[in-house]
N, C-alpha and C. Protein backbone atom coordinates (compact mmCIF):
# COMPACT_ATOMS: atom_id res chain seq x y z
N MET A 1 194.39 118.02 78.67
CA MET A 1 193.64 117.70 79.89
C MET A 1 192.28 118.37 79.82
N LEU A 2 191.17 117.52 80.16
CA LEU A 2 189.80 118.01 80.08
C LEU A 2 189.46 118.79 81.33
N ARG A 3 188.97 119.99 81.12
CA ARG A 3 188.55 120.82 82.24
C ARG A 3 187.03 121.05 82.16
N ILE A 4 186.36 120.97 83.34
CA ILE A 4 184.91 121.17 83.42
C ILE A 4 184.63 122.52 84.01
N ASN A 5 183.81 123.27 83.32
CA ASN A 5 183.42 124.58 83.78
C ASN A 5 182.64 124.44 85.08
N PRO A 6 182.93 125.24 86.10
CA PRO A 6 182.19 125.15 87.39
C PRO A 6 180.69 125.34 87.22
N SER A 7 180.26 126.22 86.35
CA SER A 7 178.81 126.44 86.15
C SER A 7 178.18 125.21 85.53
N ALA A 8 178.88 124.53 84.62
CA ALA A 8 178.35 123.30 84.02
C ALA A 8 178.25 122.20 85.05
N ARG A 9 179.27 122.14 85.96
CA ARG A 9 179.23 121.13 87.02
C ARG A 9 178.02 121.35 87.92
N SER A 10 177.66 122.60 88.19
CA SER A 10 176.49 122.89 89.03
C SER A 10 175.21 122.45 88.35
N ARG A 11 175.14 122.66 87.01
CA ARG A 11 173.94 122.25 86.29
C ARG A 11 173.81 120.73 86.28
N VAL A 12 174.93 120.01 86.19
CA VAL A 12 174.90 118.55 86.22
C VAL A 12 174.37 118.06 87.57
N LYS A 13 174.84 118.69 88.67
CA LYS A 13 174.36 118.30 89.98
C LYS A 13 172.87 118.57 90.15
N GLN A 14 172.39 119.72 89.61
CA GLN A 14 170.97 120.05 89.73
C GLN A 14 170.12 119.06 88.95
N ALA A 15 170.61 118.60 87.83
CA ALA A 15 169.83 117.68 87.00
C ALA A 15 169.91 116.26 87.50
N ALA A 16 170.77 115.99 88.47
CA ALA A 16 170.97 114.63 88.91
C ALA A 16 169.85 114.12 89.82
N GLY A 17 169.01 114.96 90.46
CA GLY A 17 167.96 114.51 91.37
C GLY A 17 167.11 115.67 91.86
N PHE A 18 166.13 115.31 92.84
CA PHE A 18 165.23 116.32 93.40
C PHE A 18 165.71 116.72 94.77
N THR A 19 165.40 117.91 95.12
CA THR A 19 165.72 118.35 96.47
C THR A 19 164.69 117.80 97.44
N LEU A 20 164.99 117.84 98.73
CA LEU A 20 164.07 117.35 99.77
C LEU A 20 162.76 118.12 99.74
N LEU A 21 162.82 119.38 99.52
CA LEU A 21 161.61 120.19 99.47
C LEU A 21 160.71 119.76 98.32
N GLU A 22 161.31 119.50 97.16
CA GLU A 22 160.52 119.06 96.02
C GLU A 22 159.86 117.71 96.28
N VAL A 23 160.57 116.82 96.94
CA VAL A 23 160.00 115.51 97.28
C VAL A 23 158.83 115.67 98.25
N LEU A 24 158.98 116.53 99.24
CA LEU A 24 157.90 116.74 100.21
C LEU A 24 156.67 117.35 99.54
N VAL A 25 156.90 118.29 98.64
CA VAL A 25 155.77 118.89 97.92
C VAL A 25 155.07 117.84 97.07
N ALA A 26 155.82 116.99 96.38
CA ALA A 26 155.22 115.94 95.55
C ALA A 26 154.41 114.97 96.41
N ILE A 27 154.94 114.59 97.59
CA ILE A 27 154.22 113.68 98.48
C ILE A 27 152.93 114.33 98.96
N ALA A 28 152.98 115.61 99.30
CA ALA A 28 151.79 116.31 99.78
C ALA A 28 150.72 116.37 98.69
N VAL A 29 151.14 116.67 97.46
CA VAL A 29 150.19 116.74 96.35
C VAL A 29 149.57 115.37 96.10
N PHE A 30 150.40 114.34 96.10
CA PHE A 30 149.90 112.98 95.88
C PHE A 30 148.94 112.57 96.99
N ALA A 31 149.25 112.94 98.24
CA ALA A 31 148.38 112.61 99.36
C ALA A 31 147.02 113.30 99.22
N MET A 32 147.02 114.56 98.82
CA MET A 32 145.75 115.27 98.65
C MET A 32 144.93 114.67 97.52
N LEU A 33 145.59 114.30 96.42
CA LEU A 33 144.87 113.66 95.32
C LEU A 33 144.29 112.31 95.74
N SER A 34 145.08 111.55 96.51
CA SER A 34 144.60 110.24 96.98
C SER A 34 143.42 110.41 97.92
N LEU A 35 143.50 111.41 98.82
CA LEU A 35 142.38 111.65 99.74
C LEU A 35 141.13 112.06 98.98
N SER A 36 141.28 112.91 97.99
CA SER A 36 140.13 113.33 97.20
C SER A 36 139.51 112.15 96.46
N ALA A 37 140.38 111.31 95.87
CA ALA A 37 139.87 110.14 95.15
C ALA A 37 139.16 109.18 96.10
N TYR A 38 139.70 109.01 97.32
CA TYR A 38 139.07 108.12 98.30
C TYR A 38 137.70 108.66 98.72
N GLN A 39 137.61 109.98 98.94
CA GLN A 39 136.34 110.57 99.33
C GLN A 39 135.30 110.40 98.24
N VAL A 40 135.70 110.58 96.99
CA VAL A 40 134.77 110.40 95.88
C VAL A 40 134.32 108.94 95.80
N MET A 41 135.28 108.01 95.90
CA MET A 41 134.94 106.59 95.83
C MET A 41 134.05 106.17 97.00
N ASN A 42 134.37 106.68 98.19
CA ASN A 42 133.57 106.34 99.36
C ASN A 42 132.14 106.88 99.22
N GLY A 43 132.03 108.09 98.68
CA GLY A 43 130.70 108.65 98.45
C GLY A 43 129.89 107.83 97.46
N VAL A 44 130.55 107.37 96.40
CA VAL A 44 129.87 106.53 95.41
C VAL A 44 129.41 105.22 96.03
N GLN A 45 130.28 104.61 96.83
CA GLN A 45 129.92 103.34 97.47
C GLN A 45 128.77 103.51 98.45
N ARG A 46 128.79 104.60 99.22
CA ARG A 46 127.70 104.85 100.16
C ARG A 46 126.39 105.10 99.43
N SER A 47 126.47 105.87 98.35
CA SER A 47 125.26 106.13 97.58
C SER A 47 124.71 104.85 96.97
N ASP A 48 125.60 103.98 96.51
CA ASP A 48 125.16 102.72 95.93
C ASP A 48 124.52 101.82 96.99
N ALA A 49 125.12 101.79 98.21
CA ALA A 49 124.54 100.98 99.29
C ALA A 49 123.18 101.51 99.71
N GLN A 50 123.05 102.84 99.81
CA GLN A 50 121.76 103.43 100.17
C GLN A 50 120.72 103.16 99.10
N SER A 51 121.14 103.21 97.84
CA SER A 51 120.21 102.93 96.75
C SER A 51 119.73 101.49 96.79
N ARG A 52 120.64 100.55 97.07
CA ARG A 52 120.25 99.14 97.16
C ARG A 52 119.29 98.92 98.33
N ASP A 53 119.61 99.53 99.49
CA ASP A 53 118.73 99.39 100.65
C ASP A 53 117.35 99.98 100.36
N HIS A 54 117.34 101.12 99.69
CA HIS A 54 116.07 101.77 99.35
C HIS A 54 115.24 100.90 98.41
N ASN A 55 115.89 100.32 97.41
CA ASN A 55 115.17 99.46 96.46
C ASN A 55 114.66 98.19 97.14
N GLU A 56 115.47 97.61 98.01
CA GLU A 56 115.03 96.41 98.73
C GLU A 56 113.84 96.72 99.63
N ARG A 57 113.86 97.89 100.26
CA ARG A 57 112.74 98.28 101.13
C ARG A 57 111.47 98.49 100.31
N LEU A 58 111.59 99.14 99.18
CA LEU A 58 110.42 99.34 98.33
C LEU A 58 109.87 98.01 97.82
N GLN A 59 110.75 97.09 97.47
CA GLN A 59 110.29 95.77 97.02
C GLN A 59 109.57 95.03 98.14
N GLU A 60 110.07 95.17 99.37
CA GLU A 60 109.41 94.53 100.51
C GLU A 60 108.02 95.11 100.71
N ILE A 61 107.89 96.43 100.61
CA ILE A 61 106.57 97.06 100.76
C ILE A 61 105.64 96.64 99.63
N GLN A 62 106.16 96.58 98.41
CA GLN A 62 105.33 96.17 97.27
C GLN A 62 104.85 94.73 97.42
N ARG A 63 105.70 93.84 97.89
CA ARG A 63 105.28 92.45 98.11
C ARG A 63 104.18 92.38 99.15
N ALA A 64 104.31 93.16 100.23
CA ALA A 64 103.27 93.17 101.26
C ALA A 64 101.96 93.70 100.69
N MET A 65 102.02 94.75 99.86
CA MET A 65 100.80 95.30 99.28
C MET A 65 100.13 94.30 98.35
N VAL A 66 100.93 93.57 97.59
CA VAL A 66 100.36 92.55 96.69
C VAL A 66 99.64 91.48 97.50
N MET A 67 100.22 91.08 98.62
CA MET A 67 99.58 90.05 99.44
C MET A 67 98.28 90.57 100.06
N LEU A 68 98.30 91.80 100.53
CA LEU A 68 97.07 92.41 101.05
C LEU A 68 96.01 92.50 99.97
N ASP A 69 96.42 92.91 98.77
CA ASP A 69 95.46 93.01 97.65
C ASP A 69 94.83 91.66 97.36
N ASN A 70 95.64 90.62 97.28
CA ASN A 70 95.13 89.30 96.95
C ASN A 70 94.12 88.81 97.98
N ASP A 71 94.36 89.11 99.25
CA ASP A 71 93.46 88.63 100.30
C ASP A 71 92.17 89.45 100.36
N PHE A 72 92.29 90.77 100.39
CA PHE A 72 91.10 91.59 100.58
C PHE A 72 90.21 91.62 99.34
N ARG A 73 90.77 91.42 98.18
CA ARG A 73 89.94 91.42 96.97
C ARG A 73 89.15 90.12 96.80
N GLN A 74 89.41 89.13 97.64
CA GLN A 74 88.70 87.86 97.52
C GLN A 74 87.98 87.49 98.82
N VAL A 75 87.65 88.50 99.61
CA VAL A 75 86.87 88.24 100.83
C VAL A 75 85.52 87.68 100.45
N VAL A 76 85.06 86.68 101.19
CA VAL A 76 83.80 86.02 100.89
C VAL A 76 82.94 86.00 102.16
N PRO A 77 81.64 86.24 102.03
CA PRO A 77 80.76 86.15 103.21
C PRO A 77 80.46 84.70 103.55
N ARG A 78 81.16 84.19 104.52
CA ARG A 78 80.98 82.80 104.92
C ARG A 78 81.04 82.69 106.44
N LYS A 79 80.05 82.03 107.02
CA LYS A 79 80.07 81.79 108.45
C LYS A 79 81.06 80.66 108.75
N VAL A 80 81.73 80.77 109.88
CA VAL A 80 82.76 79.80 110.22
C VAL A 80 82.61 79.37 111.68
N ARG A 81 83.29 78.30 112.00
CA ARG A 81 83.39 77.81 113.37
C ARG A 81 84.81 78.07 113.87
N ASP A 82 84.91 78.56 115.09
CA ASP A 82 86.20 78.80 115.72
C ASP A 82 86.39 77.85 116.88
N GLN A 83 87.48 77.08 116.81
CA GLN A 83 87.84 76.15 117.88
C GLN A 83 86.70 75.20 118.22
N GLY A 84 86.01 74.73 117.19
CA GLY A 84 84.96 73.75 117.38
C GLY A 84 83.67 74.29 117.98
N GLU A 85 83.54 75.62 118.10
CA GLU A 85 82.34 76.20 118.69
C GLU A 85 81.23 76.27 117.65
N LEU A 86 80.08 76.85 118.07
CA LEU A 86 78.96 77.00 117.16
C LEU A 86 79.30 77.97 116.04
N VAL A 87 78.53 77.90 114.97
CA VAL A 87 78.75 78.79 113.83
C VAL A 87 78.55 80.23 114.26
N SER A 88 79.48 81.09 113.88
CA SER A 88 79.41 82.50 114.26
C SER A 88 78.82 83.33 113.13
N ASP A 89 78.04 84.34 113.50
CA ASP A 89 77.47 85.26 112.52
C ASP A 89 78.46 86.35 112.11
N THR A 90 79.58 86.43 112.79
CA THR A 90 80.57 87.46 112.48
C THR A 90 81.39 87.04 111.27
N LEU A 91 81.19 87.74 110.16
CA LEU A 91 81.90 87.38 108.93
C LEU A 91 83.28 88.01 108.85
N LEU A 92 83.45 89.10 109.58
CA LEU A 92 84.74 89.81 109.58
C LEU A 92 84.97 90.32 110.99
N ARG A 93 86.08 89.92 111.57
CA ARG A 93 86.41 90.34 112.94
C ARG A 93 87.60 91.29 112.91
N SER A 94 87.51 92.33 113.71
CA SER A 94 88.61 93.28 113.83
C SER A 94 88.55 93.93 115.20
N GLY A 95 89.72 94.22 115.73
CA GLY A 95 89.76 94.85 117.03
C GLY A 95 91.16 94.98 117.56
N GLU A 96 91.29 95.75 118.63
CA GLU A 96 92.58 95.94 119.27
C GLU A 96 93.05 94.62 119.88
N TYR A 97 94.30 94.29 119.62
CA TYR A 97 94.97 93.11 120.17
C TYR A 97 94.39 91.79 119.66
N LEU A 98 93.55 91.83 118.63
CA LEU A 98 93.06 90.59 118.04
C LEU A 98 94.23 89.81 117.45
N LEU A 99 94.22 88.51 117.62
CA LEU A 99 95.30 87.63 117.17
C LEU A 99 96.62 87.94 117.87
N ASP A 100 96.53 88.45 119.11
CA ASP A 100 97.72 88.82 119.89
C ASP A 100 98.53 89.91 119.21
N SER A 101 97.86 90.79 118.49
CA SER A 101 98.54 91.88 117.80
C SER A 101 98.87 92.99 118.79
N SER A 102 100.01 93.63 118.59
CA SER A 102 100.38 94.79 119.39
C SER A 102 99.62 96.03 118.94
N SER A 103 98.96 95.95 117.82
CA SER A 103 98.11 97.02 117.30
C SER A 103 96.73 96.40 117.06
N GLN A 104 96.05 96.81 116.01
CA GLN A 104 94.81 96.16 115.65
C GLN A 104 95.08 94.88 114.87
N GLY A 105 94.10 94.01 114.86
CA GLY A 105 94.17 92.80 114.07
C GLY A 105 92.88 92.61 113.31
N ILE A 106 92.90 91.76 112.30
CA ILE A 106 91.71 91.50 111.50
C ILE A 106 91.70 90.04 111.08
N LEU A 107 90.50 89.48 110.93
CA LEU A 107 90.36 88.07 110.58
C LEU A 107 89.13 87.93 109.69
N PHE A 108 89.27 87.24 108.55
CA PHE A 108 88.16 87.07 107.62
C PHE A 108 88.41 85.80 106.79
N THR A 109 87.44 85.49 105.94
CA THR A 109 87.52 84.32 105.07
C THR A 109 87.61 84.77 103.62
N ARG A 110 88.43 84.08 102.85
CA ARG A 110 88.62 84.44 101.45
C ARG A 110 88.55 83.21 100.56
N LEU A 111 88.27 83.47 99.29
CA LEU A 111 88.27 82.44 98.27
C LEU A 111 89.58 82.48 97.49
N GLY A 112 89.69 81.60 96.49
CA GLY A 112 90.78 81.70 95.54
C GLY A 112 92.05 80.99 95.91
N TRP A 113 92.03 80.16 96.96
CA TRP A 113 93.23 79.39 97.28
C TRP A 113 93.27 78.21 96.33
N GLN A 114 94.14 78.27 95.36
CA GLN A 114 94.12 77.31 94.26
C GLN A 114 94.38 75.88 94.76
N ASN A 115 93.55 74.99 94.28
CA ASN A 115 93.68 73.56 94.57
C ASN A 115 93.39 72.82 93.28
N PRO A 116 94.34 72.83 92.33
CA PRO A 116 94.08 72.27 91.00
C PRO A 116 93.69 70.80 91.04
N GLN A 117 92.53 70.51 90.42
CA GLN A 117 92.02 69.14 90.33
C GLN A 117 91.87 68.49 91.71
N GLN A 118 91.68 69.36 92.73
CA GLN A 118 91.48 68.87 94.10
C GLN A 118 92.59 67.91 94.53
N MET A 119 93.82 68.27 94.20
CA MET A 119 94.95 67.41 94.52
C MET A 119 95.23 67.36 96.02
N PHE A 120 94.88 68.43 96.74
CA PHE A 120 95.19 68.48 98.17
C PHE A 120 93.92 68.26 98.99
N PRO A 121 94.06 67.72 100.19
CA PRO A 121 92.89 67.42 101.02
C PRO A 121 92.33 68.68 101.69
N ARG A 122 91.94 69.63 100.90
CA ARG A 122 91.37 70.89 101.40
C ARG A 122 90.57 71.53 100.30
N GLY A 123 89.84 72.58 100.64
CA GLY A 123 89.07 73.32 99.65
C GLY A 123 89.85 74.53 99.15
N GLU A 124 89.13 75.46 98.56
CA GLU A 124 89.73 76.69 98.04
C GLU A 124 89.39 77.89 98.92
N VAL A 125 88.87 77.64 100.11
CA VAL A 125 88.52 78.69 101.06
C VAL A 125 89.45 78.57 102.26
N LEU A 126 89.94 79.70 102.74
CA LEU A 126 90.78 79.69 103.93
C LEU A 126 90.52 80.92 104.77
N LYS A 127 90.88 80.81 106.02
CA LYS A 127 90.72 81.91 106.96
C LYS A 127 92.04 82.66 107.07
N VAL A 128 91.97 83.98 106.94
CA VAL A 128 93.18 84.80 106.87
C VAL A 128 93.07 85.95 107.87
N GLY A 129 94.18 86.31 108.45
CA GLY A 129 94.21 87.46 109.34
C GLY A 129 95.53 88.20 109.26
N TYR A 130 95.54 89.42 109.80
CA TYR A 130 96.76 90.24 109.83
C TYR A 130 96.93 90.82 111.22
N ARG A 131 98.20 90.91 111.63
CA ARG A 131 98.52 91.45 112.94
C ARG A 131 99.92 92.06 112.90
N VAL A 132 100.27 92.80 113.95
CA VAL A 132 101.61 93.37 114.10
C VAL A 132 102.23 92.81 115.37
N VAL A 133 103.38 92.18 115.23
CA VAL A 133 104.10 91.61 116.37
C VAL A 133 105.55 92.08 116.30
N GLU A 134 105.98 92.79 117.34
CA GLU A 134 107.36 93.28 117.45
C GLU A 134 107.78 94.05 116.20
N GLY A 135 106.91 94.94 115.75
CA GLY A 135 107.24 95.80 114.63
C GLY A 135 107.19 95.15 113.27
N THR A 136 106.59 93.95 113.17
CA THR A 136 106.51 93.23 111.90
C THR A 136 105.06 92.91 111.59
N LEU A 137 104.63 93.24 110.38
CA LEU A 137 103.29 92.87 109.94
C LEU A 137 103.31 91.40 109.55
N GLU A 138 102.42 90.62 110.16
CA GLU A 138 102.38 89.19 109.90
C GLU A 138 101.04 88.78 109.30
N ARG A 139 101.11 87.84 108.39
CA ARG A 139 99.91 87.23 107.81
C ARG A 139 99.66 85.91 108.53
N VAL A 140 98.49 85.80 109.13
CA VAL A 140 98.10 84.61 109.87
C VAL A 140 97.02 83.89 109.08
N TRP A 141 97.16 82.61 108.88
CA TRP A 141 96.15 81.89 108.10
C TRP A 141 96.02 80.45 108.57
N LEU A 142 94.83 79.91 108.33
CA LEU A 142 94.53 78.52 108.67
C LEU A 142 94.07 77.79 107.43
N ARG A 143 94.48 76.55 107.31
CA ARG A 143 94.17 75.77 106.11
C ARG A 143 92.67 75.55 105.94
N TYR A 144 91.95 75.50 107.06
CA TYR A 144 90.52 75.22 106.99
C TYR A 144 89.76 76.35 107.69
N PRO A 145 88.69 76.86 107.08
CA PRO A 145 87.95 77.97 107.70
C PRO A 145 87.24 77.57 108.99
N ASP A 146 86.80 76.31 109.09
CA ASP A 146 86.16 75.82 110.31
C ASP A 146 87.21 75.06 111.11
N THR A 147 87.69 75.69 112.15
CA THR A 147 88.81 75.12 112.91
C THR A 147 88.30 74.29 114.08
N VAL A 148 89.09 73.31 114.43
CA VAL A 148 88.79 72.46 115.57
C VAL A 148 89.58 72.96 116.77
N VAL A 149 89.27 72.38 117.92
CA VAL A 149 89.95 72.78 119.15
C VAL A 149 91.44 72.48 119.04
N GLY A 150 92.25 73.47 119.37
CA GLY A 150 93.70 73.30 119.35
C GLY A 150 94.36 73.58 118.02
N ALA A 151 93.58 73.99 117.02
CA ALA A 151 94.17 74.28 115.71
C ALA A 151 95.06 75.51 115.81
N GLU A 152 96.29 75.38 115.36
CA GLU A 152 97.25 76.48 115.41
C GLU A 152 97.39 77.12 114.03
N PRO A 153 97.35 78.44 113.96
CA PRO A 153 97.49 79.11 112.66
C PRO A 153 98.94 79.09 112.17
N LEU A 154 99.10 79.27 110.89
CA LEU A 154 100.41 79.43 110.28
C LEU A 154 100.70 80.93 110.17
N VAL A 155 101.94 81.29 110.38
CA VAL A 155 102.31 82.71 110.44
C VAL A 155 103.42 82.98 109.43
N ARG A 156 103.26 84.09 108.69
CA ARG A 156 104.29 84.50 107.73
C ARG A 156 104.58 85.98 107.89
N PRO A 157 105.79 86.36 108.32
CA PRO A 157 106.15 87.79 108.37
C PRO A 157 106.24 88.35 106.95
N ILE A 158 105.62 89.50 106.72
CA ILE A 158 105.63 90.05 105.36
C ILE A 158 106.18 91.48 105.27
N LEU A 159 106.24 92.21 106.40
CA LEU A 159 106.73 93.58 106.32
C LEU A 159 107.30 94.00 107.67
N THR A 160 108.55 94.46 107.66
CA THR A 160 109.21 94.92 108.88
C THR A 160 109.07 96.44 109.00
N GLY A 161 109.47 96.95 110.17
CA GLY A 161 109.45 98.39 110.40
C GLY A 161 108.06 98.97 110.47
N VAL A 162 107.10 98.20 110.98
CA VAL A 162 105.70 98.64 111.07
C VAL A 162 105.41 99.07 112.52
N GLU A 163 104.96 100.30 112.68
CA GLU A 163 104.61 100.78 114.01
C GLU A 163 103.19 100.39 114.40
N SER A 164 102.26 100.42 113.45
CA SER A 164 100.88 100.07 113.76
C SER A 164 100.12 99.79 112.47
N VAL A 165 98.98 99.10 112.62
CA VAL A 165 98.05 98.89 111.52
C VAL A 165 96.65 99.14 112.06
N THR A 166 95.85 99.87 111.32
CA THR A 166 94.48 100.15 111.72
C THR A 166 93.55 99.88 110.54
N PHE A 167 92.29 99.62 110.87
CA PHE A 167 91.29 99.29 109.86
C PHE A 167 90.05 100.15 110.08
N ARG A 168 89.47 100.59 108.97
CA ARG A 168 88.20 101.31 109.01
C ARG A 168 87.26 100.65 108.01
N PHE A 169 85.96 100.81 108.26
CA PHE A 169 84.97 100.07 107.49
C PHE A 169 83.91 101.02 106.95
N TYR A 170 83.58 100.82 105.68
CA TYR A 170 82.64 101.71 105.00
C TYR A 170 81.32 100.98 104.78
N SER A 171 80.24 101.61 105.20
CA SER A 171 78.90 101.05 105.00
C SER A 171 77.88 102.17 105.13
N ASP A 172 76.87 102.17 104.27
CA ASP A 172 75.82 103.21 104.29
C ASP A 172 76.41 104.61 104.22
N LYS A 173 77.41 104.77 103.35
CA LYS A 173 78.04 106.07 103.11
C LYS A 173 78.74 106.64 104.34
N THR A 174 79.17 105.76 105.23
CA THR A 174 79.82 106.21 106.46
C THR A 174 81.01 105.31 106.79
N TRP A 175 82.10 105.94 107.25
CA TRP A 175 83.26 105.20 107.71
C TRP A 175 83.18 105.03 109.22
N SER A 176 83.50 103.84 109.71
CA SER A 176 83.50 103.59 111.16
C SER A 176 84.76 102.81 111.52
N ASP A 177 85.13 102.89 112.80
CA ASP A 177 86.33 102.21 113.28
C ASP A 177 86.07 100.78 113.69
N GLU A 178 84.81 100.38 113.78
CA GLU A 178 84.48 99.02 114.18
C GLU A 178 83.47 98.44 113.22
N TRP A 179 83.45 97.10 113.15
CA TRP A 179 82.45 96.41 112.34
C TRP A 179 81.78 95.35 113.20
N THR A 180 80.51 95.59 113.52
CA THR A 180 79.79 94.70 114.42
C THR A 180 78.50 94.17 113.80
N THR A 181 78.21 94.50 112.56
CA THR A 181 76.99 94.04 111.93
C THR A 181 77.04 92.54 111.71
N PRO A 182 76.09 91.78 112.23
CA PRO A 182 76.14 90.32 112.08
C PRO A 182 75.77 89.88 110.67
N ALA A 183 76.38 88.81 110.24
CA ALA A 183 76.06 88.14 108.97
C ALA A 183 76.14 89.08 107.77
N ALA A 184 77.05 90.02 107.80
CA ALA A 184 77.20 90.95 106.69
C ALA A 184 78.64 91.44 106.62
N LEU A 185 79.03 91.85 105.43
CA LEU A 185 80.34 92.44 105.21
C LEU A 185 80.21 93.93 104.96
N PRO A 186 81.19 94.72 105.32
CA PRO A 186 81.16 96.14 104.95
C PRO A 186 81.34 96.29 103.45
N GLU A 187 80.98 97.45 102.94
CA GLU A 187 81.14 97.71 101.52
C GLU A 187 82.60 97.96 101.15
N GLY A 188 83.37 98.43 102.12
CA GLY A 188 84.78 98.69 101.87
C GLY A 188 85.59 98.63 103.15
N VAL A 189 86.88 98.38 103.00
CA VAL A 189 87.80 98.33 104.13
C VAL A 189 89.00 99.21 103.82
N MET A 190 89.36 100.07 104.76
CA MET A 190 90.57 100.88 104.63
C MET A 190 91.65 100.29 105.53
N VAL A 191 92.80 100.00 104.96
CA VAL A 191 93.95 99.50 105.71
C VAL A 191 94.98 100.62 105.78
N ARG A 192 95.35 100.99 107.00
CA ARG A 192 96.32 102.06 107.18
C ARG A 192 97.53 101.51 107.93
N LEU A 193 98.67 101.50 107.25
CA LEU A 193 99.93 101.06 107.84
C LEU A 193 100.78 102.27 108.19
N THR A 194 101.32 102.28 109.39
CA THR A 194 102.25 103.34 109.80
C THR A 194 103.64 102.74 109.87
N LEU A 195 104.51 103.17 108.95
CA LEU A 195 105.87 102.65 108.88
C LEU A 195 106.85 103.62 109.53
N LYS A 196 107.94 103.09 110.04
CA LYS A 196 108.94 103.92 110.70
C LYS A 196 109.64 104.84 109.72
N ASP A 197 109.81 104.41 108.48
CA ASP A 197 110.58 105.19 107.52
C ASP A 197 109.73 105.94 106.51
N TYR A 198 108.54 105.45 106.17
CA TYR A 198 107.72 106.08 105.14
C TYR A 198 106.42 106.68 105.67
N GLY A 199 106.21 106.61 106.97
CA GLY A 199 104.98 107.18 107.51
C GLY A 199 103.77 106.32 107.21
N GLU A 200 102.65 106.97 106.90
CA GLU A 200 101.39 106.25 106.71
C GLU A 200 101.17 105.86 105.24
N ILE A 201 100.72 104.63 105.06
CA ILE A 201 100.34 104.12 103.74
C ILE A 201 98.91 103.60 103.86
N GLU A 202 98.03 104.06 102.99
CA GLU A 202 96.63 103.66 103.04
C GLU A 202 96.23 102.92 101.77
N ARG A 203 95.43 101.89 101.95
CA ARG A 203 94.82 101.18 100.83
C ARG A 203 93.35 100.97 101.14
N VAL A 204 92.50 101.16 100.13
CA VAL A 204 91.06 100.97 100.30
C VAL A 204 90.62 99.85 99.37
N TYR A 205 89.87 98.91 99.92
CA TYR A 205 89.41 97.75 99.16
C TYR A 205 87.88 97.70 99.19
N MET A 206 87.30 97.53 98.03
CA MET A 206 85.85 97.35 97.93
C MET A 206 85.54 95.86 98.08
N LEU A 207 84.58 95.55 98.93
CA LEU A 207 84.21 94.17 99.20
C LEU A 207 82.89 93.83 98.51
N PRO A 208 82.65 92.55 98.27
CA PRO A 208 81.37 92.17 97.67
C PRO A 208 80.21 92.51 98.59
N HIS A 209 79.25 93.24 98.07
CA HIS A 209 78.11 93.67 98.90
C HIS A 209 77.14 92.52 99.00
N SER A 210 77.18 91.83 100.12
CA SER A 210 76.29 90.69 100.33
C SER A 210 76.08 90.48 101.81
N ALA A 211 75.00 89.80 102.14
CA ALA A 211 74.68 89.52 103.51
C ALA A 211 74.05 88.14 103.61
N LEU A 212 74.23 87.52 104.77
CA LEU A 212 73.64 86.22 105.04
C LEU A 212 72.56 86.37 106.10
N GLU A 213 71.81 85.35 106.27
CA GLU A 213 70.77 85.37 107.28
C GLU A 213 71.39 85.17 108.65
N ALA A 214 71.12 86.09 109.56
CA ALA A 214 71.68 86.00 110.90
C ALA A 214 70.97 84.92 111.69
N SER A 215 71.72 84.28 112.58
CA SER A 215 71.15 83.23 113.43
C SER A 215 70.34 83.87 114.54
N ASP A 216 69.38 83.12 115.02
CA ASP A 216 68.57 83.61 116.13
C ASP A 216 69.25 83.41 117.47
N THR A 217 70.23 82.50 117.49
CA THR A 217 70.92 82.22 118.76
C THR A 217 72.26 82.89 118.78
C-alpha cells in the first residue's frame, strides 16, 4: 500500500496554485504598470497633438506673410477712381476702421496680377487692402483698380487669432503713423501684427520711390 508523506502532501498543495494574497499583489502590480504605460502613451499623444497644432499655426502665419510680401513688394503709384468718383490723388490709404476694420486698415494698388496672353477680361493691376474682422486678418481686393458705383470687394481670410494690425510709414528719414502726402508713396511701410499666441510680428517693406503730379482740384 502506497503511503504519502504529510510534508510531501503539503508541498503538492502549495505548488497547485496561488494564494489570494499573491493574486491581489499581482493585480496591483499589473494595474500600476498599466497606469504608467497609459500615462506615457497619453503624454506622447498630447505632445504629438500640440506639435501638429504648432506646425499648422506656423504654416498659417507663413502663408499670411507670403501674401503680404507679394502685395507690398509690388505696390505701384497709380491714381484710381473709387465708386465712380473723380480720380483721387491718394495713392495709399490707411486709417482706423478703414474697410470696416476693427483695427487699422490699408488700401493700395499693386502690379503683377498674372494675366497670361490677356486671356481674362482684366489687366494686371488690382486694388488690394487688409483689415481685421472678428480677430481674423482679411485680404480685400477688387478685380479692377477703378471701381464703379456698387462694386463689392472680394474677401479672403488669411490669418486667425489677430488682435490688431497697425501700419507706419517711412519718408524723409522719419517714421509716421499716417500717410497724407498726395500723389506719392512712402519710401517704406511697416506692418505690425499683434497675435494672441505669438505677440507682435513686424515686417518692413521698401516701396518704389516715385511720385505723380498732384491734381489742382
